[in-house]
Amino acid sequence: MNNFKIYVKTSALGKTGIHWRSIESEEHQPVEVPSLIKRQVIEENGKIVIVNDLIDEVKPSLIIFRDKEENKLLLEVTGIESPQRSIQLGRTVLNSIVWIADNLEENEEVLRKIAYSAIQNILHQNSSFSKMIEESIDFFELEEFRVSLQKVHQFIQKIEQINTQYSNDIESYELYQIENKSTDNLKKLAEEILNNPLPKKWTSWDGEKNDGVLVVVTENLEKRTILHKAGVWRGFASRVEEPVREVKSQEKKTNAIPFMDSPEVEETQVPSQPNQKIRLMIMLLITAITIVLIVVSLKLLFQPQPQQTSQPQTIQQQTSELQAKQILEPQPQSTQTPQIQS
């Protein structure tokens, strides 16, 4: 355990309140925040998401993080209540504890067994973890607290004796699982990390990964989709949701290369061709109608006027013509027949 760094966060009696300390020895425990819990996981909407953004620190939570940059493994357990110190302080006192070690198989095995014990404690099936916290941490003077490294080491020596059973189902083991927290899910997780090494690589929601946050157990999350987006291998919270994949951005990426080629330009122009044809046909039809109207108008304009003889004469006209003829023609002499006088 000499190659493990331990950090504890809890409350002091005085004004200092809640703070982190590096537990380097029984006497030397300076104020220090473990840097790995502030490591950036993702960036979303211009905001940096760090490791501890994936858990609710005031609730019983657990996180396992592999940092490839420093080649370290981190195990953090938070939200463990201390009944005795809560009575002393007059309010609830919560504790968080962090172990950091080199990313080696023997160190990982110890961290997995500690995590197994912590999950058993969250499930209320074994209280040895919370008992270790209660017995190891105490107030010191007014503004500090002290951690008994001896009692922490004794606890670890006991859990190192836990037997493990290795599983060969590596294919399904490397697939991510992010679901709502339940007793069954946590039981399965506890057995899984106890009996199997953490995956060197895994298939996350957004692709393959080989470092980052592996395990998260917590309560409520401000962002329900954060575990998926962070690429967590095993994530269980009170309410989780799978985010909607950004199809549009993916289409833009896939169309980036074809955009430079002529086929895509032709394809984008296809929908406009029928409209152009319809407009052309309408224009031709209007032109044809206009020409026909012009031709008809010209024909009507230059058509010869009908003769008057073709029009039927009225009775008055016929009478006038007859009288004119009678005047012009010579009148025959009428012969008087002598009357016979009786």
Protein backbone atom coordinates (compact mmCIF):
# COMPACT_ATOMS: atom_id res chain seq x y z
CA MET A 1 0.00 0.00 0.00
CA ASN A 2 3.01 2.31 0.04
CA ASN A 3 2.47 3.04 -3.67
CA PHE A 4 -1.13 4.21 -3.06
CA LYS A 5 -1.96 7.86 -2.45
CA ILE A 6 -4.98 8.47 -0.22
CA TYR A 7 -7.09 11.62 -0.01
CA VAL A 8 -10.01 12.27 2.33
CA LYS A 9 -12.66 14.96 2.23
CA THR A 10 -14.79 15.70 5.29
CA SER A 11 -15.68 18.48 7.71
CA ALA A 12 -13.77 20.08 10.56
CA LEU A 13 -15.41 21.44 13.70
CA GLY A 14 -14.47 25.07 13.04
CA LYS A 15 -14.85 27.60 10.25
CA THR A 16 -12.66 25.66 7.83
CA GLY A 17 -15.59 23.36 7.17
CA ILE A 18 -15.44 20.70 4.45
CA HIS A 19 -12.10 20.28 2.69
CA TRP A 20 -9.69 17.75 1.13
CA ARG A 21 -6.48 16.50 2.74
CA SER A 22 -3.68 14.33 1.40
CA ILE A 23 -3.11 11.48 3.88
CA GLU A 24 0.64 11.04 3.54
CA SER A 25 1.36 9.75 7.05
CA GLU A 26 -0.24 9.63 10.47
CA GLU A 27 1.17 13.07 11.30
CA HIS A 28 1.49 14.78 7.92
CA GLN A 29 -1.89 15.33 6.26
CA PRO A 30 -1.81 18.68 4.40
CA VAL A 31 -4.74 20.33 2.66
CA GLU A 32 -4.69 19.14 -0.94
CA VAL A 33 -7.27 18.31 -3.61
CA PRO A 34 -6.58 15.19 -5.72
CA SER A 35 -5.82 16.53 -9.18
CA LEU A 36 -7.33 13.58 -11.06
CA ILE A 37 -10.89 14.33 -9.91
CA LYS A 38 -10.57 17.64 -11.78
CA ARG A 39 -9.37 16.01 -14.98
CA GLN A 40 -11.40 17.00 -18.03
CA VAL A 41 -13.59 14.21 -19.38
CA ILE A 42 -15.42 15.95 -22.23
CA GLU A 43 -16.32 19.43 -23.38
CA GLU A 44 -20.01 20.10 -23.99
CA ASN A 45 -21.48 23.34 -25.33
CA GLY A 46 -18.25 25.14 -24.54
CA LYS A 47 -18.22 23.93 -20.92
CA ILE A 48 -15.60 21.55 -19.51
CA VAL A 49 -16.94 18.44 -17.76
CA ILE A 50 -14.55 17.03 -15.15
CA VAL A 51 -14.43 13.61 -13.50
CA ASN A 52 -16.41 14.60 -10.41
CA ASP A 53 -19.18 16.13 -12.53
CA LEU A 54 -20.28 12.54 -13.21
CA ILE A 55 -21.34 11.85 -9.62
CA ASP A 56 -23.46 13.37 -6.86
CA GLU A 57 -20.86 13.78 -4.11
CA VAL A 58 -23.36 14.19 -1.29
CA LYS A 59 -24.94 10.80 -2.05
CA PRO A 60 -23.29 7.36 -1.77
CA SER A 61 -21.38 7.24 -5.05
CA LEU A 62 -18.42 5.50 -6.64
CA ILE A 63 -16.20 6.24 -9.60
CA ILE A 64 -13.25 4.43 -11.22
CA PHE A 65 -11.10 6.46 -13.58
CA ARG A 66 -8.10 5.48 -15.69
CA ASP A 67 -5.82 8.33 -16.66
CA LYS A 68 -3.63 7.47 -19.63
CA GLU A 69 -1.70 10.73 -19.42
CA GLU A 70 -0.21 9.92 -16.01
CA ASN A 71 -0.83 6.16 -16.28
CA LYS A 72 -2.83 6.18 -13.04
CA LEU A 73 -5.94 4.51 -11.66
CA LEU A 74 -8.34 6.35 -9.39
CA LEU A 75 -11.07 5.01 -7.12
CA GLU A 76 -13.32 7.51 -5.35
CA VAL A 77 -16.14 6.74 -2.91
CA THR A 78 -18.32 9.61 -1.68
CA GLY A 79 -21.36 10.35 0.47
CA ILE A 80 -20.52 8.00 3.36
CA GLU A 81 -22.09 9.35 6.56
CA SER A 82 -20.30 9.47 9.91
CA PRO A 83 -22.94 9.06 12.68
CA GLN A 84 -20.69 9.89 15.64
CA ARG A 85 -19.18 13.06 14.20
CA SER A 86 -22.62 14.13 12.95
CA ILE A 87 -23.79 14.11 16.56
CA GLN A 88 -20.71 16.07 17.64
CA LEU A 89 -21.11 18.70 14.94
CA GLY A 90 -24.88 18.91 15.16
CA ARG A 91 -25.40 18.23 11.46
CA THR A 92 -24.76 15.45 8.98
CA VAL A 93 -21.09 14.83 8.31
CA LEU A 94 -20.27 13.13 5.00
CA ASN A 95 -16.98 11.60 3.93
CA SER A 96 -15.26 11.07 0.59
CA ILE A 97 -12.13 8.99 0.10
CA VAL A 98 -9.85 8.61 -2.93
CA TRP A 99 -7.19 6.04 -3.76
CA ILE A 100 -4.74 6.72 -6.61
CA ALA A 101 -2.15 4.20 -7.80
CA ASP A 102 -0.04 3.37 -10.83
CA ASN A 103 -1.96 1.57 -13.54
CA LEU A 104 -0.61 -1.89 -12.75
CA GLU A 105 -2.47 -5.19 -12.51
CA GLU A 106 -1.68 -5.75 -8.83
CA ASN A 107 -2.84 -2.23 -7.93
CA GLU A 108 -5.97 -2.60 -10.03
CA GLU A 109 -6.90 -5.83 -8.26
CA VAL A 110 -6.75 -4.09 -4.87
CA LEU A 111 -8.84 -1.16 -6.11
CA ARG A 112 -11.43 -3.53 -7.58
CA LYS A 113 -11.81 -5.30 -4.24
CA ILE A 114 -12.19 -1.96 -2.43
CA ALA A 115 -14.83 -0.99 -4.99
CA TYR A 116 -16.60 -4.32 -4.44
CA SER A 117 -16.77 -3.62 -0.70
CA ALA A 118 -18.03 -0.07 -1.31
CA ILE A 119 -20.84 -1.32 -3.58
CA GLN A 120 -21.82 -3.90 -0.98
CA ASN A 121 -22.06 -1.01 1.49
CA ILE A 122 -24.24 1.03 -0.90
CA LEU A 123 -26.52 -2.01 -1.20
CA HIS A 124 -26.62 -2.27 2.63
CA GLN A 125 -25.38 -5.86 2.35
CA ASN A 126 -22.07 -5.33 4.12
CA SER A 127 -21.18 -2.36 6.31
CA SER A 128 -17.44 -3.04 6.64
CA PHE A 129 -16.59 -0.13 4.33
CA SER A 130 -18.62 2.49 6.24
CA LYS A 131 -17.30 1.03 9.49
CA MET A 132 -13.74 1.61 8.28
CA ILE A 133 -14.62 5.22 7.43
CA GLU A 134 -16.23 5.81 10.82
CA GLU A 135 -13.28 4.37 12.74
CA SER A 136 -10.51 5.89 10.62
CA ILE A 137 -11.55 9.57 10.51
CA ASP A 138 -11.93 11.92 13.45
CA PHE A 139 -11.89 15.63 14.22
CA PHE A 140 -8.50 17.12 15.06
CA GLU A 141 -8.38 20.33 17.07
CA LEU A 142 -10.80 22.90 15.66
CA GLU A 143 -9.99 23.37 11.98
CA GLU A 144 -8.64 19.97 10.97
CA PHE A 145 -9.38 16.26 10.89
CA ARG A 146 -7.12 13.24 11.10
CA VAL A 147 -7.18 9.89 9.28
CA SER A 148 -5.73 6.71 10.76
CA LEU A 149 -3.72 5.11 7.95
CA GLN A 150 -3.24 2.05 10.12
CA LYS A 151 -6.98 1.33 10.22
CA VAL A 152 -7.32 1.96 6.48
CA HIS A 153 -4.52 -0.53 5.79
CA GLN A 154 -6.08 -3.09 8.11
CA PHE A 155 -9.33 -2.85 6.17
CA ILE A 156 -7.53 -3.37 2.86
CA GLN A 157 -5.61 -6.36 4.17
CA LYS A 158 -8.92 -8.02 5.02
CA ILE A 159 -10.56 -7.45 1.65
CA GLU A 160 -7.45 -8.65 -0.18
CA GLN A 161 -8.37 -12.11 1.10
CA ILE A 162 -11.60 -12.14 -0.93
CA ASN A 163 -11.52 -14.91 -3.52
CA THR A 164 -12.19 -14.11 -7.18
CA GLN A 165 -13.53 -16.19 -10.07
CA TYR A 166 -12.30 -15.09 -13.48
CA SER A 167 -14.81 -14.98 -16.34
CA ASN A 168 -13.98 -15.69 -20.00
CA ASP A 169 -16.88 -13.72 -21.51
CA ILE A 170 -14.62 -10.94 -22.75
CA GLU A 171 -16.70 -9.95 -25.80
CA SER A 172 -19.81 -8.93 -23.86
CA TYR A 173 -17.63 -7.66 -21.03
CA GLU A 174 -16.15 -4.99 -23.27
CA LEU A 175 -19.55 -3.58 -24.30
CA TYR A 176 -20.73 -0.57 -22.34
CA GLN A 177 -23.76 -0.70 -20.04
CA ILE A 178 -25.46 2.46 -18.81
CA GLU A 179 -28.81 2.03 -17.07
CA ASN A 180 -30.96 3.25 -14.21
CA LYS A 181 -29.55 2.20 -10.86
CA SER A 182 -31.17 -0.88 -9.35
CA THR A 183 -30.25 -3.53 -6.80
CA ASP A 184 -29.84 -6.17 -9.50
CA ASN A 185 -27.60 -3.95 -11.62
CA LEU A 186 -25.36 -3.12 -8.66
CA LYS A 187 -25.11 -6.76 -7.57
CA LYS A 188 -24.06 -7.74 -11.07
CA LEU A 189 -21.56 -4.88 -11.22
CA ALA A 190 -20.01 -5.84 -7.88
CA GLU A 191 -19.42 -9.42 -9.03
CA GLU A 192 -18.21 -8.25 -12.42
CA ILE A 193 -15.46 -5.96 -11.19
CA LEU A 194 -14.47 -8.37 -8.42
CA ASN A 195 -13.96 -11.33 -10.75
CA ASN A 196 -12.63 -9.59 -13.88
CA PRO A 197 -9.90 -7.08 -14.67
CA LEU A 198 -11.05 -3.73 -15.94
CA PRO A 199 -11.14 -3.69 -19.75
CA LYS A 200 -8.06 -2.30 -21.46
CA LYS A 201 -10.41 -1.03 -24.14
CA TRP A 202 -14.17 -0.97 -24.40
CA THR A 203 -16.92 -0.03 -26.81
CA SER A 204 -18.58 3.06 -25.40
CA TRP A 205 -21.75 4.78 -26.59
CA ASP A 206 -19.73 7.01 -28.88
CA GLY A 207 -16.95 4.67 -30.02
CA GLU A 208 -14.01 2.66 -28.75
CA LYS A 209 -12.07 3.88 -25.70
CA ASN A 210 -9.05 2.76 -23.69
CA ASP A 211 -8.97 5.36 -20.93
CA GLY A 212 -11.27 7.71 -19.06
CA VAL A 213 -14.08 7.00 -16.64
CA LEU A 214 -14.85 3.29 -16.47
CA VAL A 215 -17.34 2.90 -13.61
CA VAL A 216 -19.93 5.29 -12.16
CA VAL A 217 -22.48 4.55 -9.43
CA THR A 218 -24.43 7.56 -8.18
CA GLU A 219 -27.84 9.09 -7.55
CA ASN A 220 -29.31 12.03 -9.43
CA LEU A 221 -27.36 13.66 -12.23
CA GLU A 222 -27.95 17.20 -13.42
CA LYS A 223 -27.46 16.02 -16.99
CA ARG A 224 -29.08 12.65 -17.59
CA THR A 225 -27.15 11.99 -20.81
CA ILE A 226 -23.72 12.80 -19.39
CA LEU A 227 -22.64 9.18 -18.74
CA HIS A 228 -23.22 8.23 -22.38
CA LYS A 229 -21.41 11.28 -23.69
CA ALA A 230 -18.48 10.69 -21.33
CA GLY A 231 -18.03 7.19 -22.77
CA VAL A 232 -18.48 5.39 -19.45
CA TRP A 233 -18.05 1.60 -19.49
CA ARG A 234 -20.43 0.84 -16.58
CA GLY A 235 -22.75 3.62 -15.44
CA PHE A 236 -25.71 3.43 -13.05
CA ALA A 237 -27.65 6.43 -11.75
CA SER A 238 -31.19 7.10 -10.58
CA ARG A 239 -32.20 8.57 -13.93
CA VAL A 240 -30.22 8.21 -17.11
CA GLU A 241 -31.16 8.86 -20.72
CA GLU A 242 -29.48 7.99 -23.98
CA PRO A 243 -28.77 11.18 -25.91
CA VAL A 244 -30.08 11.73 -29.42
CA ARG A 245 -27.31 11.21 -31.92
CA GLU A 246 -26.45 14.27 -33.98
CA VAL A 247 -27.41 12.90 -37.39
CA LYS A 248 -27.10 16.28 -39.11
CA SER A 249 -23.51 16.77 -38.05
CA GLN A 250 -22.66 13.26 -39.21
CA GLU A 251 -24.29 13.92 -42.58
CA LYS A 252 -22.22 17.04 -42.95
CA LYS A 253 -19.08 15.02 -42.29
CA THR A 254 -20.01 12.30 -44.76
CA ASN A 255 -20.99 14.85 -47.41
CA ALA A 256 -17.85 16.87 -46.97
CA ILE A 257 -15.91 14.94 -49.64
CA PRO A 258 -18.75 14.44 -52.19
CA PHE A 259 -19.42 18.17 -51.95
CA MET A 260 -16.24 18.76 -53.95
CA ASP A 261 -17.32 16.39 -56.72
CA SER A 262 -19.70 17.15 -59.58
CA PRO A 263 -22.14 14.25 -58.92
CA GLU A 264 -23.42 15.88 -55.73
CA VAL A 265 -23.92 19.21 -57.52
CA GLU A 266 -26.00 17.46 -60.16
CA GLU A 267 -27.94 15.64 -57.49
CA THR A 268 -28.80 18.87 -55.69
CA GLN A 269 -30.00 20.39 -58.99
CA VAL A 270 -32.35 17.52 -59.84
CA PRO A 271 -35.29 18.73 -57.74
CA SER A 272 -35.26 22.14 -59.54
CA GLN A 273 -35.45 20.70 -63.10
CA PRO A 274 -39.19 19.87 -63.12
CA ASN A 275 -39.99 23.43 -62.03
CA GLN A 276 -37.90 24.85 -64.86
CA LYS A 277 -39.65 22.63 -67.42
CA ILE A 278 -43.08 23.67 -66.18
CA ARG A 279 -42.15 27.33 -66.35
CA LEU A 280 -40.81 26.90 -69.90
CA MET A 281 -43.98 25.13 -71.03
CA ILE A 282 -46.16 27.86 -69.54
CA MET A 283 -44.13 30.56 -71.29
CA LEU A 284 -44.37 28.72 -74.63
CA LEU A 285 -48.11 28.28 -74.20
CA ILE A 286 -48.59 31.97 -73.42
CA THR A 287 -46.49 32.90 -76.47
CA ALA A 288 -48.52 30.59 -78.73
CA ILE A 289 -51.82 32.01 -77.47
CA THR A 290 -50.54 35.54 -78.03
CA ILE A 291 -49.52 34.71 -81.61
CA VAL A 292 -52.90 33.15 -82.36
CA LEU A 293 -54.71 36.21 -81.00
CA ILE A 294 -52.56 38.52 -83.13
CA VAL A 295 -53.23 36.47 -86.28
CA VAL A 296 -56.98 36.41 -85.65
CA SER A 297 -57.02 40.16 -85.03
CA LEU A 298 -55.17 40.82 -88.29
CA LYS A 299 -57.58 38.63 -90.26
CA LEU A 300 -60.58 40.47 -88.86
CA LEU A 301 -58.94 43.82 -89.57
CA PHE A 302 -58.24 43.16 -93.28
CA GLN A 303 -61.41 41.14 -94.11
CA PRO A 304 -63.44 42.81 -97.07
CA GLN A 305 -66.78 44.42 -96.24
CA PRO A 306 -69.89 42.51 -97.46
CA GLN A 307 -71.86 44.01 -100.47
CA GLN A 308 -75.20 45.77 -99.91
CA THR A 309 -77.02 43.60 -102.52
CA SER A 310 -76.51 40.64 -100.39
CA GLN A 311 -78.57 42.17 -97.70
CA PRO A 312 -82.31 41.47 -97.89
CA GLN A 313 -84.49 44.46 -98.88
CA THR A 314 -87.24 45.72 -96.77
CA ILE A 315 -90.86 46.03 -98.04
CA GLN A 316 -90.58 49.81 -98.19
CA GLN A 317 -87.49 49.58 -100.41
CA GLN A 318 -89.22 47.12 -102.72
CA THR A 319 -92.28 49.43 -103.00
CA SER A 320 -90.09 52.42 -103.84
CA GLU A 321 -88.26 50.54 -106.57
CA LEU A 322 -91.53 49.32 -108.08
CA GLN A 323 -92.96 52.84 -108.20
CA ALA A 324 -89.80 54.08 -109.89
CA LYS A 325 -90.08 51.42 -112.56
CA GLN A 326 -93.70 52.28 -113.20
CA ILE A 327 -92.84 55.91 -113.76
CA LEU A 328 -90.05 55.15 -116.18
CA GLU A 329 -91.94 52.58 -118.20
CA PRO A 330 -94.53 53.84 -120.76
CA GLN A 331 -98.09 53.47 -119.72
CA PRO A 332 -100.31 51.42 -122.11
CA GLN A 333 -103.41 53.22 -123.56
CA SER A 334 -106.56 51.99 -122.12
CA THR A 335 -109.42 51.24 -124.63
CA GLN A 336 -112.79 52.26 -123.51
CA THR A 337 -115.54 49.91 -124.35
CA PRO A 338 -118.58 51.74 -125.54
CA GLN A 339 -121.41 51.50 -123.31
CA ILE A 340 -124.64 50.39 -124.81
CA GLN A 341 -127.40 52.60 -123.81
CA SER A 342 -130.49 51.02 -123.28
